[in-house]
Each structure stands twice: as structure tokens, then as C-alpha cells.
N, C-alpha and C. Protein backbone atom coordinates (compact mmCIF):
# COMPACT_ATOMS: atom_id res chain seq x y z
N MET A 1 5.86 -23.41 22.69
CA MET A 1 5.49 -23.14 21.13
C MET A 1 5.35 -21.29 21.24
N HIS A 2 5.74 -21.28 19.99
CA HIS A 2 6.21 -19.26 19.82
C HIS A 2 4.75 -18.85 19.25
N SER A 3 4.23 -17.74 19.51
CA SER A 3 3.47 -17.77 18.54
C SER A 3 3.36 -17.10 17.00
N VAL A 4 2.72 -16.95 16.75
CA VAL A 4 2.78 -16.06 15.37
C VAL A 4 2.22 -15.23 15.19
N ASN A 5 2.74 -14.34 14.40
CA ASN A 5 1.99 -13.13 14.15
C ASN A 5 1.79 -12.81 12.32
N PHE A 6 1.01 -12.01 12.30
CA PHE A 6 0.41 -11.66 11.01
C PHE A 6 0.57 -10.51 10.52
N PRO A 7 1.95 -9.68 10.69
CA PRO A 7 1.68 -8.23 10.55
C PRO A 7 0.93 -7.71 9.28
N ASP A 8 0.70 -8.32 7.89
CA ASP A 8 0.23 -7.63 7.13
C ASP A 8 -1.19 -7.82 6.89
N GLN A 9 -1.61 -8.99 7.90
CA GLN A 9 -3.31 -9.09 7.92
C GLN A 9 -3.45 -8.09 8.65
N SER A 10 -3.10 -7.88 10.04
CA SER A 10 -3.33 -6.75 11.10
C SER A 10 -3.06 -5.11 10.48
N GLU A 11 -2.34 -5.22 9.63
CA GLU A 11 -1.70 -4.05 8.85
C GLU A 11 -3.71 -3.45 8.09
N GLY A 12 -3.93 -4.67 7.22
CA GLY A 12 -4.76 -4.68 6.69
C GLY A 12 -6.31 -4.47 6.77
N LEU A 13 -6.29 -5.24 8.32
CA LEU A 13 -7.75 -5.04 8.75
C LEU A 13 -7.50 -3.04 9.33
N ARG A 14 -6.62 -2.85 9.76
CA ARG A 14 -6.64 -1.27 10.53
C ARG A 14 -7.07 -0.35 9.53
N GLN A 15 -6.26 -0.96 7.94
CA GLN A 15 -6.35 0.39 7.07
C GLN A 15 -7.48 -0.06 6.60
N ARG A 16 -8.58 -1.26 6.71
CA ARG A 16 -9.76 -1.14 6.09
C ARG A 16 -10.89 -0.51 7.04
N LYS A 17 -10.27 -0.39 8.72
CA LYS A 17 -10.99 0.24 9.46
C LYS A 17 -11.05 1.96 9.63
N ARG A 18 -10.04 2.28 9.49
CA ARG A 18 -9.83 3.50 8.68
C ARG A 18 -11.01 4.09 7.52
N ARG A 19 -10.65 3.25 6.80
CA ARG A 19 -11.28 3.32 5.81
C ARG A 19 -12.89 3.81 5.64
N GLU A 20 -13.06 2.74 6.32
CA GLU A 20 -15.10 2.33 6.42
C GLU A 20 -15.48 4.05 7.79
N THR A 21 -14.32 3.90 8.85
CA THR A 21 -14.88 4.84 9.34
C THR A 21 -14.78 6.01 8.75
N ARG A 22 -13.90 6.88 7.76
CA ARG A 22 -13.36 7.89 7.33
C ARG A 22 -14.77 7.97 6.34
N GLN A 23 -15.62 6.97 6.05
CA GLN A 23 -16.32 6.49 4.47
C GLN A 23 -17.47 6.86 5.08
N ARG A 24 -17.41 6.52 6.62
CA ARG A 24 -19.23 7.12 7.82
C ARG A 24 -19.25 8.22 7.75
N ILE A 25 -17.87 8.65 8.30
CA ILE A 25 -18.25 10.43 8.21
C ILE A 25 -18.29 10.90 7.39
N PHE A 26 -17.91 10.69 6.21
CA PHE A 26 -18.35 11.61 4.89
C PHE A 26 -19.82 11.64 4.41
N ASP A 27 -20.81 10.23 4.63
CA ASP A 27 -21.67 9.31 4.39
C ASP A 27 -22.25 10.64 5.19
N THR A 28 -22.39 10.23 6.42
CA THR A 28 -23.12 11.44 7.94
C THR A 28 -23.10 12.83 7.38
N ALA A 29 -22.04 12.93 7.08
CA ALA A 29 -21.97 14.57 6.98
C ALA A 29 -22.71 14.98 5.76
N ALA A 30 -22.93 14.28 4.52
CA ALA A 30 -23.37 14.63 3.04
C ALA A 30 -24.89 14.30 3.70
N SER A 31 -25.05 13.16 4.47
CA SER A 31 -26.57 12.90 4.18
C SER A 31 -27.92 14.33 5.00
N LEU A 32 -26.60 14.70 6.42
CA LEU A 32 -27.09 16.06 7.32
C LEU A 32 -26.89 17.25 6.29
N VAL A 33 -26.07 17.14 5.36
CA VAL A 33 -26.29 18.85 4.57
C VAL A 33 -26.89 18.91 3.60
N ALA A 34 -27.18 17.78 2.71
CA ALA A 34 -28.45 17.50 2.23
C ALA A 34 -29.88 17.58 2.98
N ARG A 35 -30.08 17.47 3.87
CA ARG A 35 -31.41 17.30 4.72
C ARG A 35 -31.24 19.00 5.38
N ASP A 36 -30.54 19.08 6.20
CA ASP A 36 -30.19 20.53 6.68
C ASP A 36 -30.02 21.87 6.07
N GLY A 37 -28.80 21.75 5.10
CA GLY A 37 -28.13 22.86 4.63
C GLY A 37 -26.75 22.51 5.49
N TYR A 38 -26.28 23.13 4.57
CA TYR A 38 -24.72 23.54 5.15
C TYR A 38 -24.37 24.09 6.23
N ASP A 39 -24.80 25.19 6.52
CA ASP A 39 -24.79 26.11 7.27
C ASP A 39 -25.77 25.94 8.49
N ASN A 40 -26.95 25.06 8.50
CA ASN A 40 -26.98 24.36 9.97
C ASN A 40 -26.68 22.69 10.53
N VAL A 41 -25.48 22.34 9.97
CA VAL A 41 -25.16 21.23 10.35
C VAL A 41 -23.57 21.80 11.46
N THR A 42 -23.41 21.34 12.47
CA THR A 42 -22.31 21.12 13.11
C THR A 42 -21.40 19.59 12.99
N VAL A 43 -19.87 20.30 13.44
CA VAL A 43 -19.26 19.01 13.84
C VAL A 43 -19.84 17.86 15.16
N GLU A 44 -20.13 18.54 15.21
CA GLU A 44 -20.85 17.79 17.23
C GLU A 44 -22.24 17.11 16.12
N GLU A 45 -23.44 17.13 15.42
CA GLU A 45 -24.09 16.80 14.53
C GLU A 45 -23.37 15.36 13.81
N ILE A 46 -22.33 16.08 13.58
CA ILE A 46 -21.92 14.66 12.09
C ILE A 46 -21.38 13.57 13.09
N CYS A 47 -20.90 13.92 14.19
CA CYS A 47 -20.21 12.88 15.03
C CYS A 47 -21.27 11.96 15.53
N GLN A 48 -22.29 12.67 15.87
CA GLN A 48 -23.16 11.97 16.74
C GLN A 48 -23.80 10.70 15.42
N GLY A 49 -23.96 11.55 14.68
CA GLY A 49 -24.86 10.30 13.46
C GLY A 49 -23.50 9.29 13.13
N ALA A 50 -22.04 9.49 13.38
CA ALA A 50 -21.23 8.84 12.64
C ALA A 50 -21.26 8.12 13.89
N GLY A 51 -21.48 8.16 14.95
CA GLY A 51 -21.45 7.25 16.21
C GLY A 51 -19.25 7.28 16.02
N ILE A 52 -18.99 8.80 16.73
CA ILE A 52 -17.81 8.44 17.41
C ILE A 52 -17.74 10.08 17.57
N SER A 53 -16.74 10.25 18.64
CA SER A 53 -16.36 11.02 19.19
C SER A 53 -15.69 12.50 18.26
N ARG A 54 -15.73 13.78 19.10
CA ARG A 54 -14.75 14.68 18.22
C ARG A 54 -13.40 14.32 18.10
N ARG A 55 -12.60 14.34 19.15
CA ARG A 55 -11.41 13.92 19.01
C ARG A 55 -11.52 12.33 18.07
N THR A 56 -12.34 11.57 17.94
CA THR A 56 -11.90 10.25 16.68
C THR A 56 -12.13 11.25 15.29
N PHE A 57 -12.89 12.21 15.24
CA PHE A 57 -13.39 12.81 14.25
C PHE A 57 -12.68 13.92 13.96
N PHE A 58 -11.81 15.06 14.33
CA PHE A 58 -10.19 15.46 13.78
C PHE A 58 -8.81 14.26 14.37
N ASN A 59 -9.21 13.41 14.48
CA ASN A 59 -8.33 12.47 13.83
C ASN A 59 -8.30 11.97 12.52
N TYR A 60 -9.50 12.02 11.83
CA TYR A 60 -9.70 12.03 10.12
C TYR A 60 -9.75 13.27 9.58
N MET A 61 -9.89 14.27 10.07
CA MET A 61 -10.82 15.46 9.06
C MET A 61 -10.28 16.65 9.75
N ASP A 62 -9.73 17.56 9.11
CA ASP A 62 -9.44 18.89 9.22
C ASP A 62 -10.66 19.75 9.86
N SER A 63 -11.72 19.61 9.67
CA SER A 63 -12.93 20.65 9.86
C SER A 63 -13.97 20.21 8.95
N LYS A 64 -15.19 20.98 9.34
CA LYS A 64 -16.15 20.57 8.85
C LYS A 64 -16.57 20.43 7.17
N ASP A 65 -15.84 21.16 6.54
CA ASP A 65 -15.55 20.51 4.97
C ASP A 65 -14.88 20.01 4.96
N ASP A 66 -13.90 19.36 5.03
CA ASP A 66 -13.52 18.10 4.23
C ASP A 66 -14.19 16.97 5.07
N ALA A 67 -14.88 16.69 6.14
CA ALA A 67 -15.61 15.94 6.07
C ALA A 67 -17.06 15.69 5.21
N VAL A 68 -17.58 17.46 4.92
CA VAL A 68 -18.41 16.90 4.08
C VAL A 68 -17.77 16.79 2.34
N LEU A 69 -16.55 17.81 2.17
CA LEU A 69 -16.08 17.27 0.30
C LEU A 69 -15.47 15.95 0.71
N GLY A 70 -15.37 15.27 1.85
CA GLY A 70 -14.80 14.57 1.66
C GLY A 70 -13.03 14.19 1.22
N PRO A 71 -12.61 13.19 1.56
CA PRO A 71 -11.16 13.14 1.41
C PRO A 71 -10.40 12.95 -0.44
N PHE A 72 -9.75 13.18 -0.97
CA PHE A 72 -9.73 13.18 -2.72
C PHE A 72 -8.56 11.97 -2.59
N PRO A 73 -8.96 11.07 -3.61
CA PRO A 73 -7.59 9.95 -3.32
C PRO A 73 -6.11 10.43 -3.30
N LEU A 74 -5.47 11.62 -3.87
CA LEU A 74 -4.03 12.21 -3.50
C LEU A 74 -4.49 13.64 -2.71
N GLU A 75 -3.40 13.68 -1.85
CA GLU A 75 -3.58 14.71 -1.37
C GLU A 75 -2.11 15.78 -1.19
N PHE A 76 -1.84 16.26 -1.25
CA PHE A 76 -0.86 17.00 -0.06
C PHE A 76 -0.55 17.09 1.01
N THR A 77 0.42 17.56 1.33
CA THR A 77 1.21 17.32 2.92
C THR A 77 2.06 18.23 2.81
N SER A 78 2.58 18.61 4.19
CA SER A 78 3.79 19.53 4.27
C SER A 78 4.82 18.97 3.77
N GLU A 79 5.18 18.00 3.52
CA GLU A 79 6.08 16.90 3.56
C GLU A 79 6.13 17.15 1.78
N SER A 80 5.18 17.00 0.97
CA SER A 80 4.47 17.05 0.07
C SER A 80 5.00 17.78 -0.72
N PHE A 81 4.87 19.35 -0.65
CA PHE A 81 5.78 20.69 -0.46
C PHE A 81 6.95 20.77 -0.79
N ALA A 82 7.50 20.41 0.71
CA ALA A 82 8.46 20.60 0.96
C ALA A 82 9.87 19.60 -0.01
N ARG A 83 8.93 18.49 -0.40
CA ARG A 83 9.48 17.55 -1.52
C ARG A 83 9.73 18.36 -2.88
N ILE A 84 8.76 19.21 -3.18
CA ILE A 84 8.66 19.48 -3.99
C ILE A 84 9.78 20.84 -4.40
N ALA A 85 10.18 21.37 -3.43
CA ALA A 85 10.60 22.61 -2.94
C ALA A 85 11.97 21.82 -3.75
N ASP A 86 12.32 20.93 -2.83
CA ASP A 86 14.20 20.40 -2.56
C ASP A 86 13.85 19.50 -3.66
N GLU A 87 13.62 19.15 -3.96
CA GLU A 87 14.21 17.17 -4.67
C GLU A 87 14.20 17.98 -5.84
N PRO A 88 15.72 18.23 -6.55
CA PRO A 88 15.83 17.78 -7.98
C PRO A 88 14.66 17.51 -8.80
N SER A 89 14.70 17.55 -10.11
CA SER A 89 13.78 17.10 -11.32
C SER A 89 13.96 17.13 -12.67
N THR A 90 14.26 16.52 -13.67
CA THR A 90 13.84 17.05 -14.85
C THR A 90 12.36 17.05 -15.17
N ASN A 91 11.28 16.34 -14.72
CA ASN A 91 10.13 16.37 -14.82
C ASN A 91 9.50 17.11 -13.85
N MET A 92 9.09 18.07 -14.27
CA MET A 92 8.29 18.86 -12.52
C MET A 92 6.92 18.26 -12.48
N LEU A 93 6.46 18.00 -13.63
CA LEU A 93 4.63 17.73 -13.55
C LEU A 93 5.34 16.06 -12.53
N ALA A 94 5.85 15.34 -12.81
CA ALA A 94 6.03 14.19 -12.23
C ALA A 94 6.23 14.26 -11.01
N LEU A 95 7.09 15.20 -11.16
CA LEU A 95 7.42 15.17 -8.92
C LEU A 95 6.49 15.81 -8.34
N VAL A 96 5.46 16.67 -8.85
CA VAL A 96 4.36 16.82 -8.24
C VAL A 96 3.19 15.71 -7.91
N ILE A 97 3.49 15.31 -8.82
CA ILE A 97 2.62 14.22 -8.74
C ILE A 97 2.96 13.10 -7.78
N ASP A 98 4.40 12.48 -7.71
CA ASP A 98 4.75 11.43 -7.07
C ASP A 98 4.84 12.21 -5.73
N ALA A 99 5.16 13.44 -5.61
CA ALA A 99 5.14 14.21 -4.00
C ALA A 99 3.84 13.88 -3.12
N MET A 100 2.86 14.10 -3.95
CA MET A 100 1.64 13.79 -3.16
C MET A 100 1.29 12.37 -2.45
N GLU A 101 0.46 12.23 -1.87
CA GLU A 101 0.36 11.16 -0.80
C GLU A 101 -1.22 10.53 -1.22
N GLU A 102 -0.63 9.50 -1.10
CA GLU A 102 -2.21 8.01 -1.68
C GLU A 102 -3.05 8.02 0.14
N SER A 103 -4.29 8.99 0.20
CA SER A 103 -5.26 8.92 1.38
C SER A 103 -5.79 7.48 1.30
N GLY A 104 -5.93 6.53 0.46
CA GLY A 104 -6.80 5.52 1.27
C GLY A 104 -8.14 5.71 0.25
N ALA A 105 -8.29 6.66 -0.29
CA ALA A 105 -10.04 7.07 0.01
C ALA A 105 -10.05 6.58 -1.63
N GLU A 106 -11.29 6.40 -1.15
CA GLU A 106 -12.27 5.33 -2.80
C GLU A 106 -12.57 6.53 -3.51
N ASP A 107 -12.17 6.35 -5.01
CA ASP A 107 -12.34 7.53 -5.60
C ASP A 107 -13.70 6.99 -6.00
N ARG A 108 -14.93 7.22 -5.82
CA ARG A 108 -15.99 6.57 -6.37
C ARG A 108 -16.93 7.53 -6.97
N ALA A 109 -17.71 7.19 -8.08
CA ALA A 109 -18.14 8.49 -9.38
C ALA A 109 -19.56 9.01 -8.27
N GLU A 110 -20.20 8.32 -7.56
CA GLU A 110 -21.22 8.69 -7.17
C GLU A 110 -20.68 9.41 -5.51
N ASP A 111 -19.85 9.61 -4.98
CA ASP A 111 -19.29 10.44 -4.13
C ASP A 111 -19.62 11.86 -5.13
N ALA A 112 -19.09 11.97 -6.31
CA ALA A 112 -18.25 13.20 -6.78
C ALA A 112 -19.82 13.73 -7.08
N CYS A 113 -20.69 12.83 -7.89
CA CYS A 113 -22.14 13.01 -8.47
C CYS A 113 -22.90 14.04 -6.78
N ARG A 114 -22.38 13.05 -5.73
CA ARG A 114 -23.09 13.56 -4.70
C ARG A 114 -22.94 15.01 -4.46
N ILE A 115 -21.20 15.48 -4.29
CA ILE A 115 -20.74 16.56 -3.92
C ILE A 115 -20.81 17.87 -4.64
N GLN A 116 -21.09 17.37 -5.80
CA GLN A 116 -21.75 18.83 -6.90
C GLN A 116 -23.37 18.75 -6.79
N ARG A 117 -23.64 17.81 -6.21
CA ARG A 117 -25.40 18.51 -5.97
C ARG A 117 -25.09 19.08 -4.51
N LEU A 118 -24.65 18.33 -4.01
CA LEU A 118 -24.78 19.47 -2.58
C LEU A 118 -24.08 20.87 -3.02
N MET A 119 -23.22 21.36 -3.65
CA MET A 119 -22.69 22.70 -3.82
C MET A 119 -23.64 23.44 -4.61
N GLN A 120 -24.15 22.41 -5.63
CA GLN A 120 -25.25 23.76 -6.21
C GLN A 120 -26.29 24.25 -4.97
N ASP A 121 -26.64 22.91 -4.40
CA ASP A 121 -27.79 23.63 -3.14
C ASP A 121 -27.38 24.24 -2.38
N ASN A 122 -25.99 24.63 -1.76
CA ASN A 122 -25.58 25.30 -0.82
C ASN A 122 -23.66 25.85 -1.07
N PRO A 123 -24.16 27.13 -1.57
CA PRO A 123 -23.16 28.15 -1.93
C PRO A 123 -22.23 28.11 -1.01
N SER A 124 -22.64 28.10 0.36
CA SER A 124 -21.31 28.16 1.66
C SER A 124 -20.47 26.91 0.75
N LEU A 125 -20.78 25.85 0.56
CA LEU A 125 -19.94 24.50 0.73
C LEU A 125 -19.56 24.73 -1.07
N ALA A 126 -19.75 25.25 -1.86
CA ALA A 126 -19.34 25.61 -3.07
C ALA A 126 -17.94 26.62 -2.78
N ASN A 127 -18.33 27.70 -2.14
CA ASN A 127 -17.31 28.20 -1.78
C ASN A 127 -16.20 28.39 -0.93
N ALA A 128 -16.26 27.03 -0.12
CA ALA A 128 -15.42 26.46 0.89
C ALA A 128 -14.14 25.39 -0.15
N MET A 129 -15.09 24.52 -1.37
CA MET A 129 -14.28 23.73 -1.83
C MET A 129 -13.54 24.83 -3.22
N LEU A 130 -13.74 26.46 -2.96
CA LEU A 130 -13.08 27.11 -3.95
C LEU A 130 -12.38 27.66 -3.09
N ALA A 131 -12.12 28.11 -1.97
CA ALA A 131 -11.30 28.43 -0.90
C ALA A 131 -10.05 27.26 -0.87
N ARG A 132 -10.83 26.18 -0.77
CA ARG A 132 -9.45 24.69 -0.37
C ARG A 132 -8.51 24.73 -2.03
N LYS A 133 -9.56 24.54 -2.83
CA LYS A 133 -8.57 24.79 -3.98
C LYS A 133 -7.82 25.63 -4.15
N ARG A 134 -7.84 27.25 -4.11
CA ARG A 134 -7.14 27.93 -3.94
C ARG A 134 -6.18 28.08 -2.91
N ASP A 135 -6.37 27.80 -2.23
CA ASP A 135 -5.17 27.71 -0.91
C ASP A 135 -3.83 26.53 -1.37
N THR A 136 -4.44 25.11 -1.49
CA THR A 136 -3.99 24.04 -2.19
C THR A 136 -2.78 24.62 -3.14
N LEU A 137 -3.15 25.11 -4.58
CA LEU A 137 -2.72 25.53 -5.91
C LEU A 137 -1.62 26.87 -5.49
N ARG A 138 -1.86 27.76 -4.41
CA ARG A 138 -1.33 28.25 -4.07
C ARG A 138 0.57 28.28 -3.45
N HIS A 139 -0.15 27.07 -2.19
CA HIS A 139 1.38 26.70 -1.54
C HIS A 139 1.63 25.30 -2.57
N LEU A 140 1.42 24.69 -3.35
CA LEU A 140 2.05 24.57 -4.52
C LEU A 140 2.69 25.37 -5.33
N GLU A 141 2.55 26.50 -5.81
CA GLU A 141 3.09 27.20 -7.19
C GLU A 141 4.29 28.21 -6.15
N GLN A 142 3.88 28.04 -4.93
CA GLN A 142 5.13 28.82 -3.80
C GLN A 142 5.98 27.77 -3.95
N ALA A 143 6.37 26.27 -4.08
CA ALA A 143 6.74 25.21 -3.74
C ALA A 143 7.57 25.30 -5.12
N VAL A 144 6.86 25.40 -5.81
CA VAL A 144 7.70 25.05 -7.53
C VAL A 144 8.68 26.50 -7.71
N ARG A 145 8.28 27.86 -7.27
CA ARG A 145 9.01 28.88 -7.37
C ARG A 145 10.30 28.83 -6.69
N GLU A 146 10.61 28.38 -5.03
CA GLU A 146 11.40 27.74 -5.19
C GLU A 146 12.20 26.58 -5.05
N HIS A 147 11.42 25.89 -6.04
CA HIS A 147 12.75 24.72 -6.74
C HIS A 147 13.10 25.14 -7.80
N PHE A 148 12.52 26.23 -8.15
CA PHE A 148 13.46 27.03 -9.63
C PHE A 148 14.63 27.62 -9.03
N ALA A 149 14.35 28.12 -7.72
CA ALA A 149 15.04 29.26 -7.66
C ALA A 149 16.29 28.69 -7.24
N SER A 150 15.97 27.54 -6.43
CA SER A 150 17.19 26.53 -6.46
C SER A 150 18.13 25.57 -6.99
N HIS A 151 17.19 25.26 -8.24
CA HIS A 151 17.64 24.35 -9.58
C HIS A 151 17.12 25.14 -10.58
N PRO A 152 17.99 25.89 -11.03
CA PRO A 152 17.55 26.63 -12.38
C PRO A 152 18.13 25.60 -13.94
N GLU A 153 18.81 24.43 -13.04
CA GLU A 153 18.89 23.97 -14.32
C GLU A 153 18.07 22.63 -15.06
N ASP A 154 16.99 22.92 -13.60
CA ASP A 154 15.15 22.06 -13.90
C ASP A 154 14.55 22.84 -14.48
N ARG A 155 14.82 24.43 -15.24
CA ARG A 155 13.41 25.12 -16.03
C ARG A 155 13.96 24.66 -17.24
N ARG A 156 12.85 24.70 -18.20
CA ARG A 156 12.51 24.18 -19.28
C ARG A 156 12.26 25.29 -20.65
N LEU A 157 11.70 26.68 -19.62
CA LEU A 157 11.55 27.75 -20.67
C LEU A 157 12.04 29.42 -20.68
N ASP A 158 12.16 29.79 -21.41
CA ASP A 158 12.97 31.41 -21.38
C ASP A 158 11.56 32.27 -21.00
N VAL A 159 11.67 32.00 -19.52
CA VAL A 159 10.11 33.02 -19.09
C VAL A 159 11.02 33.30 -17.81
N THR A 160 10.11 34.32 -17.28
CA THR A 160 10.38 34.55 -15.48
C THR A 160 9.86 33.10 -14.35
N ILE A 161 10.52 33.02 -13.44
CA ILE A 161 10.22 31.94 -12.70
C ILE A 161 9.18 31.58 -12.06
N GLU A 162 8.15 33.00 -11.68
CA GLU A 162 6.89 32.86 -11.52
C GLU A 162 5.77 32.58 -12.72
N ALA A 163 6.43 33.15 -14.21
CA ALA A 163 5.62 32.21 -14.95
C ALA A 163 5.64 31.07 -15.24
N GLU A 164 6.67 30.50 -15.30
CA GLU A 164 6.84 29.08 -15.55
C GLU A 164 6.32 28.20 -13.95
N ALA A 165 6.48 29.15 -13.42
CA ALA A 165 5.68 28.07 -12.05
C ALA A 165 4.24 27.85 -12.30
N ARG A 166 3.86 29.09 -12.90
CA ARG A 166 2.30 28.87 -12.72
C ARG A 166 2.05 28.15 -14.26
N ILE A 167 2.77 27.67 -15.28
CA ILE A 167 2.32 26.93 -16.26
C ILE A 167 2.32 25.34 -15.47
N VAL A 168 3.04 24.65 -14.77
CA VAL A 168 3.47 23.91 -13.99
C VAL A 168 2.17 23.72 -13.05
N VAL A 169 1.79 24.67 -12.64
CA VAL A 169 0.41 24.51 -12.00
C VAL A 169 -0.87 24.72 -12.61
N GLU A 170 -0.54 24.95 -13.64
CA GLU A 170 -2.00 24.81 -14.58
C GLU A 170 -1.81 23.44 -15.68
N LEU A 171 -0.48 23.00 -15.63
CA LEU A 171 -0.71 21.88 -16.21
C LEU A 171 -1.36 20.88 -15.30
N PHE A 172 -0.60 20.97 -14.32
CA PHE A 172 -0.99 19.70 -13.13
C PHE A 172 -2.71 20.50 -12.86
N ARG A 173 -3.02 21.74 -12.63
CA ARG A 173 -4.67 21.26 -12.68
C ARG A 173 -5.60 20.77 -13.56
N THR A 174 -5.57 21.10 -14.43
CA THR A 174 -5.79 20.33 -16.00
C THR A 174 -5.88 18.48 -15.54
N THR A 175 -4.71 17.84 -15.50
CA THR A 175 -4.10 16.60 -14.70
C THR A 175 -5.46 16.37 -14.10
N LEU A 176 -5.25 17.12 -13.00
CA LEU A 176 -6.18 16.34 -11.57
C LEU A 176 -7.57 16.30 -12.11
N VAL A 177 -7.93 17.28 -13.02
CA VAL A 177 -9.35 17.82 -13.47
C VAL A 177 -9.72 16.64 -14.56
N LEU A 178 -8.94 16.23 -14.84
CA LEU A 178 -8.89 14.78 -16.02
C LEU A 178 -9.05 13.76 -15.18
N TYR A 179 -7.87 13.43 -14.49
CA TYR A 179 -7.92 12.49 -13.52
C TYR A 179 -9.60 12.35 -12.89
N ALA A 180 -9.86 13.05 -12.19
CA ALA A 180 -10.85 13.18 -11.21
C ALA A 180 -12.88 13.07 -12.31
N ARG A 181 -12.51 13.75 -13.09
CA ARG A 181 -13.70 13.78 -13.74
C ARG A 181 -14.22 13.17 -15.06
N SER A 182 -13.49 12.59 -15.64
CA SER A 182 -13.57 12.08 -17.19
C SER A 182 -13.00 10.74 -17.35
N LEU A 183 -14.01 10.07 -17.52
CA LEU A 183 -14.33 8.33 -17.72
C LEU A 183 -13.29 7.94 -18.47
N HIS A 184 -13.17 8.65 -19.08
CA HIS A 184 -12.14 8.65 -20.67
C HIS A 184 -10.85 8.29 -19.98
N PHE A 185 -9.93 8.70 -18.89
CA PHE A 185 -8.68 8.49 -18.52
C PHE A 185 -8.99 7.70 -17.31
N GLN A 186 -10.14 6.82 -16.75
CA GLN A 186 -9.53 6.05 -15.88
C GLN A 186 -9.15 4.47 -16.31
N GLU A 187 -8.41 4.30 -15.52
CA GLU A 187 -7.68 3.27 -15.90
C GLU A 187 -7.49 2.35 -14.78
N GLU A 188 -6.76 0.75 -14.71
CA GLU A 188 -6.47 0.16 -13.25
C GLU A 188 -5.10 0.87 -13.05
N GLY A 189 -4.53 0.95 -11.98
CA GLY A 189 -3.43 0.86 -11.16
C GLY A 189 -4.32 2.03 -9.91
N SER A 190 -2.86 2.25 -9.46
CA SER A 190 -2.77 3.20 -8.06
C SER A 190 -3.35 4.65 -8.73
N PRO A 191 -4.24 5.56 -7.58
CA PRO A 191 -4.13 6.72 -7.80
C PRO A 191 -2.78 7.46 -8.96
N LYS A 192 -1.68 7.71 -7.90
CA LYS A 192 -0.45 8.17 -8.82
C LYS A 192 -0.30 7.40 -10.07
N GLU A 193 -0.52 6.47 -10.13
CA GLU A 193 -0.16 5.87 -11.32
C GLU A 193 -1.23 6.52 -12.73
N GLN A 194 -2.57 6.32 -11.91
CA GLN A 194 -3.41 7.27 -12.49
C GLN A 194 -2.89 8.23 -12.71
N ALA A 195 -2.98 9.17 -12.58
CA ALA A 195 -2.40 10.62 -12.56
C ALA A 195 -1.32 10.79 -13.12
N ARG A 196 -0.63 10.18 -13.57
CA ARG A 196 1.00 10.50 -14.52
C ARG A 196 0.11 9.78 -15.59
N SER A 197 -0.43 9.02 -16.39
CA SER A 197 -0.77 8.85 -17.35
C SER A 197 -1.29 9.97 -17.99
N VAL A 198 -2.66 10.28 -16.92
CA VAL A 198 -3.14 11.41 -17.74
C VAL A 198 -1.98 12.05 -17.85
N ALA A 199 -1.13 12.98 -17.19
CA ALA A 199 -0.07 13.99 -17.20
C ALA A 199 0.81 13.65 -18.33
N ALA A 200 0.83 12.37 -18.71
CA ALA A 200 1.73 12.09 -19.76
C ALA A 200 0.76 12.36 -21.26
N VAL A 201 -0.58 11.95 -20.97
CA VAL A 201 -1.48 12.29 -22.61
C VAL A 201 -1.77 13.59 -22.74
N VAL A 202 -1.73 14.23 -21.59
CA VAL A 202 -1.89 16.14 -21.88
C VAL A 202 -0.65 17.11 -22.31
N THR A 203 0.80 16.75 -21.56
CA THR A 203 1.87 16.92 -22.29
C THR A 203 2.26 16.48 -23.70
N LYS A 204 2.11 14.96 -23.52
CA LYS A 204 2.25 14.56 -25.38
C LYS A 204 1.79 15.63 -26.39
N TYR A 205 0.22 15.42 -25.68
CA TYR A 205 -0.54 16.58 -26.47
C TYR A 205 -0.46 18.21 -26.74
N ALA A 206 0.36 18.10 -25.75
CA ALA A 206 1.27 19.74 -25.84
C ALA A 206 2.03 19.67 -26.39
N LYS A 207 2.85 19.03 -27.04
CA LYS A 207 4.11 18.34 -27.63
C LYS A 207 3.66 18.42 -29.27
N GLU A 208 2.85 17.79 -29.60
CA GLU A 208 2.41 17.83 -30.36
C GLU A 208 1.96 18.69 -31.73
N LEU A 209 1.63 20.14 -31.09
CA LEU A 209 0.92 21.28 -31.12
C LEU A 209 1.70 21.81 -31.47
N GLN A 210 2.10 22.78 -33.26
CA GLN A 210 3.04 22.88 -34.36
C GLN A 210 2.16 24.55 -33.92
N TRP A 211 3.10 25.72 -33.83
CA TRP A 211 3.16 26.99 -34.13
C TRP A 211 4.20 27.49 -35.12
């Protein structure tokens, strides 16, 4: 008798366990920071509270900042930036969204509220969040500039490459803020599908403006 494998089920179980571990790290880190303050919490304490090893921690998180702030449903990787720089596209905003990776993290309203409270009480954490955003947007702008230099046919404005790249980045930033923080734009679908829907609304509104 041949054994029967169920790869879809086993893969689903692995993904569920990864989400549970990731969420446990996030919950533990947030609870410790709320109790002791961001500057007084160590990676070792987070590991102990979450019941994981230091090695496991860094399989899921890059730093203490990431553990406290938690993963966003959409994330950039080095492959994302390479795709943005290299792949031809007549819609740069769509390309930026499509190039992002879906982290598998749940977009939970309670997590967002908790992060806001923690940042209000911990200036160091707020600074870490701002630094992470600035670094991401800097890499994104560089990738968009490289794209326009390689694919000038994809440009839409009679301005410098630097100016057009900045406009793309700001449209993306607006899209992400609305996607993450506004209940008016929360719809069914994957994170990418939701982000694309928001981007479509943002750009449609811009087209309707008369000057």
C-alpha cells in the first residue's frame, strides 16, 4: 500500500505555526515594553518570555525594533527593490505594490493601537519607527530612480528623474498610510489587492483635479 501525502495541509500547518510564533514574539515584546520601557527590554528577555531560542528569534526578526513594532502585512525585500529597478512598467505605483512581499502577518487593529500607545510612551521606539520608514523610502526612491534611468519610456512627467521618483514615493506613502490606518479603505482580499484598490482611488482623485 502506498502512503498518501497531503502537501497542502502540511504547508498550511507550517505557515500557521510560523504566524503563531511570530505573533507570540510580537505580543511578548509589546507586553515587556509596556511594563518596563523600550530601553530596558532585551532580546534575551523577549526570547525567554516567548519560549524560544535566540536563534529562533533572529529567524523571525531582524532586531528588537522589529519584534516590538511587529511585521507589516506588506514588506520590501532586496528582491523587491531589484524588481522595481529592472522591470518595465507603465504604472510605477502598481509595480511598487506588486513587488512587495506579503509577510503573512495579520493586519489587526488592536496591534496598530498598541503600537501607537507604545510609541507615545517610548520616544526611542518612535525614533526607531521613523528610522525604519526613512530607510525603506530611501531604498525605494533609489530603485525608482534606477528604473527611470533604465526605462525612460516609463516616465510620465516633464520634470527631473529625481522629482518624478519622489512623486512616485509620496504616492506610495499616501497609499500605505490610507491602507494601514483608514477603515474607509479596508476591503476583502489579499494585502496587495487592498493596497492596489487604495492606490487606484488615490490616483483617480488626482486625475479629477482641475488646474
